[in-house]
Amino acid sequence: MQAKNQKIVVLGTGGTIAGESSSASEGLSYKAAQRGIDVLLQSVAEIGQGLPEALSGYQFESEQVAQLDSKDMDFATWYHLAQRCEAWLSQDDVAAVVITHGTDTLEETAYFLSRVIANEKPIVLTCAMRPANFKDADGPQNLRDALTLASVAKGAGVWMVAAGEIHHSQHVQKVHPTRLNAFDSGEAGLAGTVIQDQVTWRSEFAPVAQPNKIKLSHLPDPASWPWVEVIMNHVQASSKLVDLLINAGVRGIVLAGTGNGSVSTDLKEGLLRAQDAGVQIRVASRCNQGPVIVTASHIFPVLSGLSPVKSRVALILDMVSKPTD
């Protein structure tokens, strides 16, 4: 059966999936963002016998939005990527957008896009843990799975797929530096799987409420977005770092607290000084599973269910979307 919308658009941003190493046996030492998105797309059809049946009714278009290692991702690239997503998804014959991305900051990009893209069509991000010329490169299969997911995903949502595992942008985190299934969704669990070109949604996966959207056109130029840092509570955590940040002009601080968002007495006093100086404070947990449960002991706002890095994205968007005096 022919697809109602005939086109899936693939946007390339670089990353390990586009990387190359000195030899096919070197999987850890490589240079990211070396191959273009058109080359990556060509590798998908080389797996098995052509494209999956689910993709038979689709055409594909590609665009190189950026070409960087995702450890160097920046606000300007985010903004441009979101603009291109909006432009493509607004076209009637486009069913979905797939994005190739580096693994290091993929979860932040996914969450950002979930907050600023309001179109009722899916976005699927994918990546790789091994460079493109590695003898057992995982990128081609991951991209194939992402295209397959994009062909069957219905409605709005930002998803991520790698190693046959589907994650939602609200929950996904990178939790391992080298293994192929380097991502996890904590207590929420996988949203589904892609196995042998078949997408299976987990029946126990709870629906995810769409976060409050911010119109991309209402955001200021990325160069003017506020400076927000993440700091961590730990043994003998000092407020000196907070004081240095205040003096340097920081506009927001996210505390990666211990346990249920707890903070040492000294660090708390520094954060209170920061708050008095007009710095926005938010609290998350440095634990990689479970939300912070707000209690009477929490004196700073908590963004429940978000990791520290996603809390930082949320705080930045909250600050830039508010009208200034």
C-alpha atoms as a PDB file:
ATOM      1  CA  MET A   1       0.000   0.000   0.000  1.00  0.00           C
ATOM      2  CA  GLN A   2       1.347   3.378  -0.932  1.00  0.00           C
ATOM      3  CA  ALA A   3       2.022   5.812   1.893  1.00  0.00           C
ATOM      4  CA  LYS A   4      -0.342   8.755   2.140  1.00  0.00           C
ATOM      5  CA  ASN A   5       2.618  11.098   2.590  1.00  0.00           C
ATOM      6  CA  GLN A   6       5.294  10.056   0.191  1.00  0.00           C
ATOM      7  CA  LYS A   7       8.465  11.544   1.610  1.00  0.00           C
ATOM      8  CA  ILE A   8      10.795  11.050   4.591  1.00  0.00           C
ATOM      9  CA  VAL A   9      13.447  13.742   4.974  1.00  0.00           C
ATOM     10  CA  VAL A  10      16.814  12.889   6.512  1.00  0.00           C
ATOM     11  CA  LEU A  11      18.828  15.711   8.085  1.00  0.00           C
ATOM     12  CA  GLY A  12      22.519  15.153   8.801  1.00  0.00           C
ATOM     13  CA  THR A  13      24.389  16.861  11.632  1.00  0.00           C
ATOM     14  CA  GLY A  14      27.591  14.779  11.773  1.00  0.00           C
ATOM     15  CA  GLY A  15      28.580  12.631  14.744  1.00  0.00           C
ATOM     16  CA  THR A  16      30.186   9.203  14.991  1.00  0.00           C
ATOM     17  CA  ILE A  17      27.650   7.805  12.528  1.00  0.00           C
ATOM     18  CA  ALA A  18      29.419   9.976   9.938  1.00  0.00           C
ATOM     19  CA  GLY A  19      32.894   9.430  11.398  1.00  0.00           C
ATOM     20  CA  GLU A  20      35.971   7.691  10.027  1.00  0.00           C
ATOM     21  CA  SER A  21      38.931   6.011  11.717  1.00  0.00           C
ATOM     22  CA  SER A  22      42.354   5.145  10.401  1.00  0.00           C
ATOM     23  CA  SER A  23      41.364   1.530   9.723  1.00  0.00           C
ATOM     24  CA  ALA A  24      38.357  -0.786   9.677  1.00  0.00           C
ATOM     25  CA  SER A  25      39.528  -2.382  12.928  1.00  0.00           C
ATOM     26  CA  GLU A  26      39.696   0.859  14.940  1.00  0.00           C
ATOM     27  CA  GLY A  27      36.385   1.635  16.605  1.00  0.00           C
ATOM     28  CA  LEU A  28      37.291   4.008  19.429  1.00  0.00           C
ATOM     29  CA  SER A  29      39.852   6.418  17.990  1.00  0.00           C
ATOM     30  CA  TYR A  30      38.329   8.258  15.040  1.00  0.00           C
ATOM     31  CA  LYS A  31      37.305  11.632  13.677  1.00  0.00           C
ATOM     32  CA  ALA A  32      33.581  12.344  13.776  1.00  0.00           C
ATOM     33  CA  ALA A  33      31.534  14.061  11.071  1.00  0.00           C
ATOM     34  CA  GLN A  34      33.469  13.044   7.952  1.00  0.00           C
ATOM     35  CA  ARG A  35      30.809  11.544   5.682  1.00  0.00           C
ATOM     36  CA  GLY A  36      27.865  13.379   4.206  1.00  0.00           C
ATOM     37  CA  ILE A  37      24.261  12.371   4.765  1.00  0.00           C
ATOM     38  CA  ASP A  38      23.850  11.217   1.154  1.00  0.00           C
ATOM     39  CA  VAL A  39      26.641   8.669   1.659  1.00  0.00           C
ATOM     40  CA  LEU A  40      25.070   7.459   4.905  1.00  0.00           C
ATOM     41  CA  LEU A  41      21.718   6.964   3.180  1.00  0.00           C
ATOM     42  CA  GLN A  42      23.325   4.868   0.459  1.00  0.00           C
ATOM     43  CA  SER A  43      24.624   2.434   3.070  1.00  0.00           C
ATOM     44  CA  VAL A  44      21.097   1.652   4.310  1.00  0.00           C
ATOM     45  CA  ALA A  45      19.979  -0.162   1.166  1.00  0.00           C
ATOM     46  CA  GLU A  46      23.139  -2.299   1.236  1.00  0.00           C
ATOM     47  CA  ILE A  47      21.851  -4.148   4.329  1.00  0.00           C
ATOM     48  CA  GLY A  48      20.009  -7.332   3.370  1.00  0.00           C
ATOM     49  CA  GLN A  49      17.983  -7.167   0.178  1.00  0.00           C
ATOM     50  CA  GLY A  50      17.233  -3.501  -0.396  1.00  0.00           C
ATOM     51  CA  LEU A  51      14.916  -1.365   1.693  1.00  0.00           C
ATOM     52  CA  PRO A  52      12.349  -2.715   4.178  1.00  0.00           C
ATOM     53  CA  GLU A  53       8.807  -3.246   2.889  1.00  0.00           C
ATOM     54  CA  ALA A  54       7.556  -0.499   5.219  1.00  0.00           C
ATOM     55  CA  LEU A  55       9.585   2.011   3.195  1.00  0.00           C
ATOM     56  CA  SER A  56       8.466   0.883  -0.242  1.00  0.00           C
ATOM     57  CA  GLY A  57       5.926   3.686  -0.591  1.00  0.00           C
ATOM     58  CA  TYR A  58       8.341   6.464   0.324  1.00  0.00           C
ATOM     59  CA  GLN A  59      10.811   8.696  -1.395  1.00  0.00           C
ATOM     60  CA  PHE A  60      13.737  10.188   0.500  1.00  0.00           C
ATOM     61  CA  GLU A  61      15.289  13.603   0.562  1.00  0.00           C
ATOM     62  CA  SER A  62      18.360  14.586   2.522  1.00  0.00           C
ATOM     63  CA  GLU A  63      19.987  17.776   3.724  1.00  0.00           C
ATOM     64  CA  GLN A  64      23.293  18.404   5.481  1.00  0.00           C
ATOM     65  CA  VAL A  65      22.249  20.807   8.232  1.00  0.00           C
ATOM     66  CA  ALA A  66      25.570  20.637  10.098  1.00  0.00           C
ATOM     67  CA  GLN A  67      28.743  18.571  10.147  1.00  0.00           C
ATOM     68  CA  LEU A  68      30.154  18.403  13.668  1.00  0.00           C
ATOM     69  CA  ASP A  69      31.027  16.199  16.607  1.00  0.00           C
ATOM     70  CA  SER A  70      28.045  16.454  18.937  1.00  0.00           C
ATOM     71  CA  LYS A  71      30.277  17.334  21.880  1.00  0.00           C
ATOM     72  CA  ASP A  72      30.561  20.675  20.043  1.00  0.00           C
ATOM     73  CA  MET A  73      26.819  21.136  19.489  1.00  0.00           C
ATOM     74  CA  ASP A  74      25.711  24.734  20.044  1.00  0.00           C
ATOM     75  CA  PHE A  75      22.596  26.893  20.286  1.00  0.00           C
ATOM     76  CA  ALA A  76      22.948  28.274  16.752  1.00  0.00           C
ATOM     77  CA  THR A  77      22.981  24.770  15.265  1.00  0.00           C
ATOM     78  CA  TRP A  78      19.980  23.796  17.400  1.00  0.00           C
ATOM     79  CA  TYR A  79      18.044  26.793  16.131  1.00  0.00           C
ATOM     80  CA  HIS A  80      18.958  26.111  12.503  1.00  0.00           C
ATOM     81  CA  LEU A  81      18.102  22.414  12.862  1.00  0.00           C
ATOM     82  CA  ALA A  82      14.706  23.267  14.344  1.00  0.00           C
ATOM     83  CA  GLN A  83      14.055  25.716  11.503  1.00  0.00           C
ATOM     84  CA  ARG A  84      14.797  23.022   8.929  1.00  0.00           C
ATOM     85  CA  CYS A  85      12.559  20.539  10.746  1.00  0.00           C
ATOM     86  CA  GLU A  86       9.714  23.057  10.693  1.00  0.00           C
ATOM     87  CA  ALA A  87      10.263  23.869   7.033  1.00  0.00           C
ATOM     88  CA  TRP A  88      10.219  20.238   5.924  1.00  0.00           C
ATOM     89  CA  LEU A  89       7.388  19.080   8.196  1.00  0.00           C
ATOM     90  CA  SER A  90       5.169  21.913   6.986  1.00  0.00           C
ATOM     91  CA  GLN A  91       5.148  20.355   3.504  1.00  0.00           C
ATOM     92  CA  ASP A  92       2.112  18.177   2.829  1.00  0.00           C
ATOM     93  CA  ASP A  93       4.079  15.399   1.136  1.00  0.00           C
ATOM     94  CA  VAL A  94       6.540  15.001   4.028  1.00  0.00           C
ATOM     95  CA  ALA A  95       5.524  12.329   6.547  1.00  0.00           C
ATOM     96  CA  ALA A  96       8.422  12.551   8.987  1.00  0.00           C
ATOM     97  CA  VAL A  97      11.946  13.801   9.604  1.00  0.00           C
ATOM     98  CA  VAL A  98      14.919  11.620  10.580  1.00  0.00           C
ATOM     99  CA  ILE A  99      18.043  13.223  12.065  1.00  0.00           C
ATOM    100  CA  THR A 100      21.508  11.695  12.286  1.00  0.00           C
ATOM    101  CA  HIS A 101      23.347  12.980  15.344  1.00  0.00           C
ATOM    102  CA  GLY A 102      26.329  12.306  17.584  1.00  0.00           C
ATOM    103  CA  THR A 103      25.617  10.321  20.746  1.00  0.00           C
ATOM    104  CA  ASP A 104      27.177  12.676  23.310  1.00  0.00           C
ATOM    105  CA  THR A 105      24.504  15.386  23.306  1.00  0.00           C
ATOM    106  CA  LEU A 106      21.706  13.650  21.412  1.00  0.00           C
ATOM    107  CA  GLU A 107      19.422  13.606  24.462  1.00  0.00           C
ATOM    108  CA  GLU A 108      19.670  17.388  24.811  1.00  0.00           C
ATOM    109  CA  THR A 109      18.938  18.008  21.136  1.00  0.00           C
ATOM    110  CA  ALA A 110      15.993  15.599  21.247  1.00  0.00           C
ATOM    111  CA  TYR A 111      14.490  17.362  24.251  1.00  0.00           C
ATOM    112  CA  PHE A 112      15.058  20.816  22.717  1.00  0.00           C
ATOM    113  CA  LEU A 113      13.268  19.799  19.525  1.00  0.00           C
ATOM    114  CA  SER A 114      10.383  18.366  21.553  1.00  0.00           C
ATOM    115  CA  ARG A 115       9.878  21.797  23.108  1.00  0.00           C
ATOM    116  CA  VAL A 116       9.994  23.949  19.980  1.00  0.00           C
ATOM    117  CA  ILE A 117       8.477  21.823  17.185  1.00  0.00           C
ATOM    118  CA  ALA A 118       4.676  21.860  17.239  1.00  0.00           C
ATOM    119  CA  ASN A 119       4.002  20.028  13.967  1.00  0.00           C
ATOM    120  CA  GLU A 120       1.835  16.892  14.253  1.00  0.00           C
ATOM    121  CA  LYS A 121       4.392  14.670  12.533  1.00  0.00           C
ATOM    122  CA  PRO A 122       7.158  12.559  14.095  1.00  0.00           C
ATOM    123  CA  ILE A 123      10.857  13.316  14.356  1.00  0.00           C
ATOM    124  CA  VAL A 124      13.260  10.397  14.822  1.00  0.00           C
ATOM    125  CA  LEU A 125      16.891  10.813  15.850  1.00  0.00           C
ATOM    126  CA  THR A 126      19.546   8.148  15.413  1.00  0.00           C
ATOM    127  CA  CYS A 127      23.286   7.806  15.894  1.00  0.00           C
ATOM    128  CA  ALA A 128      26.142   5.314  16.097  1.00  0.00           C
ATOM    129  CA  MET A 129      28.764   4.164  18.565  1.00  0.00           C
ATOM    130  CA  ARG A 130      31.217   3.094  15.866  1.00  0.00           C
ATOM    131  CA  PRO A 131      32.587   5.108  12.948  1.00  0.00           C
ATOM    132  CA  ALA A 132      31.211   4.564   9.467  1.00  0.00           C
ATOM    133  CA  ASN A 133      34.254   2.707   8.125  1.00  0.00           C
ATOM    134  CA  PHE A 134      34.495   0.279  11.075  1.00  0.00           C
ATOM    135  CA  LYS A 135      34.178  -3.375  10.027  1.00  0.00           C
ATOM    136  CA  ASP A 136      31.038  -3.789  12.150  1.00  0.00           C
ATOM    137  CA  ALA A 137      29.672  -0.244  11.927  1.00  0.00           C
ATOM    138  CA  ASP A 138      26.299   0.118  13.638  1.00  0.00           C
ATOM    139  CA  GLY A 139      25.293   3.306  11.862  1.00  0.00           C
ATOM    140  CA  PRO A 140      23.721   1.802   8.709  1.00  0.00           C
ATOM    141  CA  GLN A 141      21.396  -0.473  10.698  1.00  0.00           C
ATOM    142  CA  ASN A 142      20.495   2.315  13.112  1.00  0.00           C
ATOM    143  CA  LEU A 143      19.612   4.624  10.226  1.00  0.00           C
ATOM    144  CA  ARG A 144      17.599   1.861   8.573  1.00  0.00           C
ATOM    145  CA  ASP A 145      15.698   1.337  11.845  1.00  0.00           C
ATOM    146  CA  ALA A 146      15.114   5.084  12.198  1.00  0.00           C
ATOM    147  CA  LEU A 147      13.634   5.287   8.693  1.00  0.00           C
ATOM    148  CA  THR A 148      11.441   2.280   9.439  1.00  0.00           C
ATOM    149  CA  LEU A 149      10.231   3.853  12.684  1.00  0.00           C
ATOM    150  CA  ALA A 150       9.556   7.155  10.906  1.00  0.00           C
ATOM    151  CA  SER A 151       7.359   5.329   8.395  1.00  0.00           C
ATOM    152  CA  VAL A 152       5.033   3.892  11.061  1.00  0.00           C
ATOM    153  CA  ALA A 153       5.159   6.424  13.929  1.00  0.00           C
ATOM    154  CA  LYS A 154       1.912   8.347  14.157  1.00  0.00           C
ATOM    155  CA  GLY A 155       1.348  11.893  15.345  1.00  0.00           C
ATOM    156  CA  ALA A 156       3.654  14.336  17.061  1.00  0.00           C
ATOM    157  CA  GLY A 157       6.628  13.206  19.083  1.00  0.00           C
ATOM    158  CA  VAL A 158      10.412  13.172  19.106  1.00  0.00           C
ATOM    159  CA  TRP A 159      11.905   9.698  19.268  1.00  0.00           C
ATOM    160  CA  MET A 160      15.343   8.138  19.281  1.00  0.00           C
ATOM    161  CA  VAL A 161      16.320   4.706  17.993  1.00  0.00           C
ATOM    162  CA  ALA A 162      19.643   2.866  18.248  1.00  0.00           C
ATOM    163  CA  ALA A 163      20.660  -0.782  18.691  1.00  0.00           C
ATOM    164  CA  GLY A 164      17.076  -1.738  17.889  1.00  0.00           C
ATOM    165  CA  GLU A 165      15.740   0.170  20.901  1.00  0.00           C
ATOM    166  CA  ILE A 166      13.188   3.005  20.712  1.00  0.00           C
ATOM    167  CA  HIS A 167      13.337   5.745  23.348  1.00  0.00           C
ATOM    168  CA  HIS A 168      11.218   8.830  23.921  1.00  0.00           C
ATOM    169  CA  SER A 169      12.951  12.217  24.015  1.00  0.00           C
ATOM    170  CA  GLN A 170      11.580  12.955  27.489  1.00  0.00           C
ATOM    171  CA  HIS A 171      13.355   9.966  29.055  1.00  0.00           C
ATOM    172  CA  VAL A 172      16.375   9.007  26.968  1.00  0.00           C
ATOM    173  CA  GLN A 173      19.894   9.343  28.401  1.00  0.00           C
ATOM    174  CA  LYS A 174      23.289   8.137  27.287  1.00  0.00           C
ATOM    175  CA  VAL A 175      24.456   5.845  30.102  1.00  0.00           C
ATOM    176  CA  HIS A 176      27.485   4.009  28.682  1.00  0.00           C
ATOM    177  CA  PRO A 177      30.577   5.354  26.887  1.00  0.00           C
ATOM    178  CA  THR A 178      31.225   2.474  24.462  1.00  0.00           C
ATOM    179  CA  ARG A 179      28.594  -0.255  24.206  1.00  0.00           C
ATOM    180  CA  LEU A 180      26.232  -0.327  21.214  1.00  0.00           C
ATOM    181  CA  ASN A 181      23.085   0.037  23.315  1.00  0.00           C
ATOM    182  CA  ALA A 182      24.491   3.058  25.126  1.00  0.00           C
ATOM    183  CA  PHE A 183      21.110   4.661  25.851  1.00  0.00           C
ATOM    184  CA  ASP A 184      18.539   4.039  28.551  1.00  0.00           C
ATOM    185  CA  SER A 185      15.171   5.462  29.547  1.00  0.00           C
ATOM    186  CA  GLY A 186      15.344   4.686  33.251  1.00  0.00           C
ATOM    187  CA  GLU A 187      12.154   3.663  34.989  1.00  0.00           C
ATOM    188  CA  ALA A 188      10.056   4.625  31.963  1.00  0.00           C
ATOM    189  CA  GLY A 189      11.717   1.874  29.968  1.00  0.00           C
ATOM    190  CA  LEU A 190      11.878   1.368  26.240  1.00  0.00           C
ATOM    191  CA  ALA A 191       9.051   2.691  24.121  1.00  0.00           C
ATOM    192  CA  GLY A 192       9.537  -0.195  21.708  1.00  0.00           C
ATOM    193  CA  THR A 193      11.936  -2.103  19.492  1.00  0.00           C
ATOM    194  CA  VAL A 194      12.869  -2.448  15.843  1.00  0.00           C
ATOM    195  CA  ILE A 195      13.818  -6.045  15.023  1.00  0.00           C
ATOM    196  CA  GLN A 196      14.288  -7.298  11.467  1.00  0.00           C
ATOM    197  CA  ASP A 197      12.570  -4.198  10.066  1.00  0.00           C
ATOM    198  CA  GLN A 198       9.518  -4.667  12.302  1.00  0.00           C
ATOM    199  CA  VAL A 199       8.502  -2.024  14.846  1.00  0.00           C
ATOM    200  CA  THR A 200       6.944  -3.309  18.056  1.00  0.00           C
ATOM    201  CA  TRP A 201       5.620  -0.834  20.617  1.00  0.00           C
ATOM    202  CA  ARG A 202       5.745  -1.915  24.244  1.00  0.00           C
ATOM    203  CA  SER A 203       2.209  -2.204  25.604  1.00  0.00           C
ATOM    204  CA  GLU A 204       3.361  -1.123  29.075  1.00  0.00           C
ATOM    205  CA  PHE A 205       5.009   2.067  27.818  1.00  0.00           C
ATOM    206  CA  ALA A 206       3.016   4.920  29.319  1.00  0.00           C
ATOM    207  CA  PRO A 207       1.919   7.711  26.957  1.00  0.00           C
ATOM    208  CA  VAL A 208       4.101  10.798  27.308  1.00  0.00           C
ATOM    209  CA  ALA A 209       2.369  14.140  27.656  1.00  0.00           C
ATOM    210  CA  GLN A 210       3.530  16.686  25.133  1.00  0.00           C
ATOM    211  CA  PRO A 211       5.640  19.341  26.886  1.00  0.00           C
ATOM    212  CA  ASN A 212       4.673  22.987  26.748  1.00  0.00           C
ATOM    213  CA  LYS A 213       5.617  24.220  23.310  1.00  0.00           C
ATOM    214  CA  ILE A 214       7.484  27.420  22.571  1.00  0.00           C
ATOM    215  CA  LYS A 215       7.151  28.845  19.090  1.00  0.00           C
ATOM    216  CA  LEU A 216      10.519  28.845  17.401  1.00  0.00           C
ATOM    217  CA  SER A 217       9.721  32.208  15.843  1.00  0.00           C
ATOM    218  CA  HIS A 218       9.295  33.677  19.339  1.00  0.00           C
ATOM    219  CA  LEU A 219      12.825  32.782  20.394  1.00  0.00           C
ATOM    220  CA  PRO A 220      15.503  35.480  20.219  1.00  0.00           C
ATOM    221  CA  ASP A 221      18.731  35.047  18.305  1.00  0.00           C
ATOM    222  CA  PRO A 222      20.683  32.133  19.845  1.00  0.00           C
ATOM    223  CA  ALA A 223      23.639  34.429  20.473  1.00  0.00           C
ATOM    224  CA  SER A 224      21.556  36.156  23.147  1.00  0.00           C
ATOM    225  CA  TRP A 225      20.405  33.029  24.991  1.00  0.00           C
ATOM    226  CA  PRO A 226      21.339  33.143  28.689  1.00  0.00           C
ATOM    227  CA  TRP A 227      24.364  31.473  30.234  1.00  0.00           C
ATOM    228  CA  VAL A 228      23.136  28.536  32.328  1.00  0.00           C
ATOM    229  CA  GLU A 229      25.431  26.060  34.053  1.00  0.00           C
ATOM    230  CA  VAL A 230      24.985  22.673  35.743  1.00  0.00           C
ATOM    231  CA  ILE A 231      26.735  22.102  39.073  1.00  0.00           C
ATOM    232  CA  MET A 232      26.754  18.952  41.191  1.00  0.00           C
ATOM    233  CA  ASN A 233      26.327  18.294  44.862  1.00  0.00           C
ATOM    234  CA  HIS A 234      28.982  15.946  46.285  1.00  0.00           C
ATOM    235  CA  VAL A 235      31.037  15.412  49.412  1.00  0.00           C
ATOM    236  CA  GLN A 236      32.229  18.803  50.714  1.00  0.00           C
ATOM    237  CA  ALA A 237      30.519  20.652  47.876  1.00  0.00           C
ATOM    238  CA  SER A 238      31.574  24.290  48.138  1.00  0.00           C
ATOM    239  CA  SER A 239      29.724  27.494  47.375  1.00  0.00           C
ATOM    240  CA  LYS A 240      32.927  29.027  45.973  1.00  0.00           C
ATOM    241  CA  LEU A 241      32.071  27.814  42.482  1.00  0.00           C
ATOM    242  CA  VAL A 242      28.647  29.449  42.729  1.00  0.00           C
ATOM    243  CA  ASP A 243      30.211  32.751  43.802  1.00  0.00           C
ATOM    244  CA  LEU A 244      32.615  32.591  40.863  1.00  0.00           C
ATOM    245  CA  LEU A 245      29.725  31.979  38.488  1.00  0.00           C
ATOM    246  CA  ILE A 246      27.742  34.888  39.925  1.00  0.00           C
ATOM    247  CA  ASN A 247      30.705  37.233  39.497  1.00  0.00           C
ATOM    248  CA  ALA A 248      31.235  35.983  35.936  1.00  0.00           C
ATOM    249  CA  GLY A 249      27.636  36.777  34.959  1.00  0.00           C
ATOM    250  CA  VAL A 250      25.833  33.424  34.982  1.00  0.00           C
ATOM    251  CA  ARG A 251      22.066  33.776  34.505  1.00  0.00           C
ATOM    252  CA  GLY A 252      20.909  30.326  35.583  1.00  0.00           C
ATOM    253  CA  ILE A 253      22.152  27.337  37.567  1.00  0.00           C
ATOM    254  CA  VAL A 254      20.826  23.788  37.575  1.00  0.00           C
ATOM    255  CA  LEU A 255      21.773  21.790  40.645  1.00  0.00           C
ATOM    256  CA  ALA A 256      22.397  18.097  40.022  1.00  0.00           C
ATOM    257  CA  GLY A 257      21.572  17.243  43.606  1.00  0.00           C
ATOM    258  CA  THR A 258      22.331  14.063  45.462  1.00  0.00           C
ATOM    259  CA  GLY A 259      19.507  11.591  45.945  1.00  0.00           C
ATOM    260  CA  ASN A 260      16.153  13.341  45.887  1.00  0.00           C
ATOM    261  CA  GLY A 261      17.737  16.638  44.828  1.00  0.00           C
ATOM    262  CA  SER A 262      19.503  17.267  48.130  1.00  0.00           C
ATOM    263  CA  VAL A 263      22.234  19.898  48.528  1.00  0.00           C
ATOM    264  CA  SER A 264      24.941  20.523  51.112  1.00  0.00           C
ATOM    265  CA  THR A 265      24.487  23.393  53.562  1.00  0.00           C
ATOM    266  CA  ASP A 266      27.392  25.406  52.170  1.00  0.00           C
ATOM    267  CA  LEU A 267      26.338  24.944  48.545  1.00  0.00           C
ATOM    268  CA  LYS A 268      22.739  25.825  49.431  1.00  0.00           C
ATOM    269  CA  GLU A 269      23.889  29.106  50.965  1.00  0.00           C
ATOM    270  CA  GLY A 270      25.751  29.905  47.761  1.00  0.00           C
ATOM    271  CA  LEU A 271      22.686  29.137  45.678  1.00  0.00           C
ATOM    272  CA  LEU A 272      20.587  31.393  47.896  1.00  0.00           C
ATOM    273  CA  ARG A 273      23.099  34.196  47.299  1.00  0.00           C
ATOM    274  CA  ALA A 274      22.841  33.510  43.584  1.00  0.00           C
ATOM    275  CA  GLN A 275      19.063  33.641  43.737  1.00  0.00           C
ATOM    276  CA  ASP A 276      19.225  36.966  45.588  1.00  0.00           C
ATOM    277  CA  ALA A 277      21.465  38.233  42.781  1.00  0.00           C
ATOM    278  CA  GLY A 278      18.790  37.372  40.215  1.00  0.00           C
ATOM    279  CA  VAL A 279      20.162  34.001  39.078  1.00  0.00           C
ATOM    280  CA  GLN A 280      17.476  31.429  38.234  1.00  0.00           C
ATOM    281  CA  ILE A 281      17.918  28.139  40.126  1.00  0.00           C
ATOM    282  CA  ARG A 282      16.457  24.732  39.261  1.00  0.00           C
ATOM    283  CA  VAL A 283      16.954  21.341  40.911  1.00  0.00           C
ATOM    284  CA  ALA A 284      17.374  17.876  39.397  1.00  0.00           C
ATOM    285  CA  SER A 285      19.019  14.680  40.656  1.00  0.00           C
ATOM    286  CA  ARG A 286      22.396  13.313  39.713  1.00  0.00           C
ATOM    287  CA  CYS A 287      20.804   9.823  39.940  1.00  0.00           C
ATOM    288  CA  ASN A 288      20.129   8.515  36.444  1.00  0.00           C
ATOM    289  CA  GLN A 289      16.768   6.970  37.355  1.00  0.00           C
ATOM    290  CA  GLY A 290      13.670   8.319  39.017  1.00  0.00           C
ATOM    291  CA  PRO A 291      12.252  11.839  39.287  1.00  0.00           C
ATOM    292  CA  VAL A 292      12.850  14.237  42.159  1.00  0.00           C
ATOM    293  CA  ILE A 293       9.825  14.106  44.471  1.00  0.00           C
ATOM    294  CA  VAL A 294       9.172  17.600  45.808  1.00  0.00           C
ATOM    295  CA  THR A 295       9.081  17.904  49.611  1.00  0.00           C
ATOM    296  CA  ALA A 296       9.056  20.758  52.116  1.00  0.00           C
ATOM    297  CA  SER A 297      12.863  20.676  52.129  1.00  0.00           C
ATOM    298  CA  HIS A 298      13.073  21.785  48.487  1.00  0.00           C
ATOM    299  CA  ILE A 299      13.516  25.540  48.518  1.00  0.00           C
ATOM    300  CA  PHE A 300      14.362  25.852  44.806  1.00  0.00           C
ATOM    301  CA  PRO A 301      12.046  24.906  41.897  1.00  0.00           C
ATOM    302  CA  VAL A 302      12.243  21.327  40.648  1.00  0.00           C
ATOM    303  CA  LEU A 303      11.714  20.283  37.030  1.00  0.00           C
ATOM    304  CA  SER A 304      10.363  16.860  37.854  1.00  0.00           C
ATOM    305  CA  GLY A 305      11.288  13.998  35.567  1.00  0.00           C
ATOM    306  CA  LEU A 306      14.095  15.805  33.746  1.00  0.00           C
ATOM    307  CA  SER A 307      17.791  15.011  33.965  1.00  0.00           C
ATOM    308  CA  PRO A 308      20.181  17.848  34.870  1.00  0.00           C
ATOM    309  CA  VAL A 309      21.124  18.522  31.234  1.00  0.00           C
ATOM    310  CA  LYS A 310      17.498  18.524  30.098  1.00  0.00           C
ATOM    311  CA  SER A 311      16.609  20.742  33.060  1.00  0.00           C
ATOM    312  CA  ARG A 312      19.226  23.158  31.737  1.00  0.00           C
ATOM    313  CA  VAL A 313      17.543  23.189  28.317  1.00  0.00           C
ATOM    314  CA  ALA A 314      14.153  23.718  29.950  1.00  0.00           C
ATOM    315  CA  LEU A 315      15.457  26.595  32.055  1.00  0.00           C
ATOM    316  CA  ILE A 316      17.067  28.291  29.063  1.00  0.00           C
ATOM    317  CA  LEU A 317      13.833  28.038  27.087  1.00  0.00           C
ATOM    318  CA  ASP A 318      11.837  29.295  30.074  1.00  0.00           C
ATOM    319  CA  MET A 319      14.105  32.311  30.369  1.00  0.00           C
ATOM    320  CA  VAL A 320      14.195  33.254  26.689  1.00  0.00           C
ATOM    321  CA  SER A 321      10.472  32.778  26.149  1.00  0.00           C
ATOM    322  CA  LYS A 322       9.453  35.239  28.849  1.00  0.00           C
ATOM    323  CA  PRO A 323       8.920  38.831  27.754  1.00  0.00           C
ATOM    324  CA  THR A 324      11.554  41.244  28.995  1.00  0.00           C
ATOM    325  CA  ASP A 325      10.757  44.534  30.713  1.00  0.00           C
END
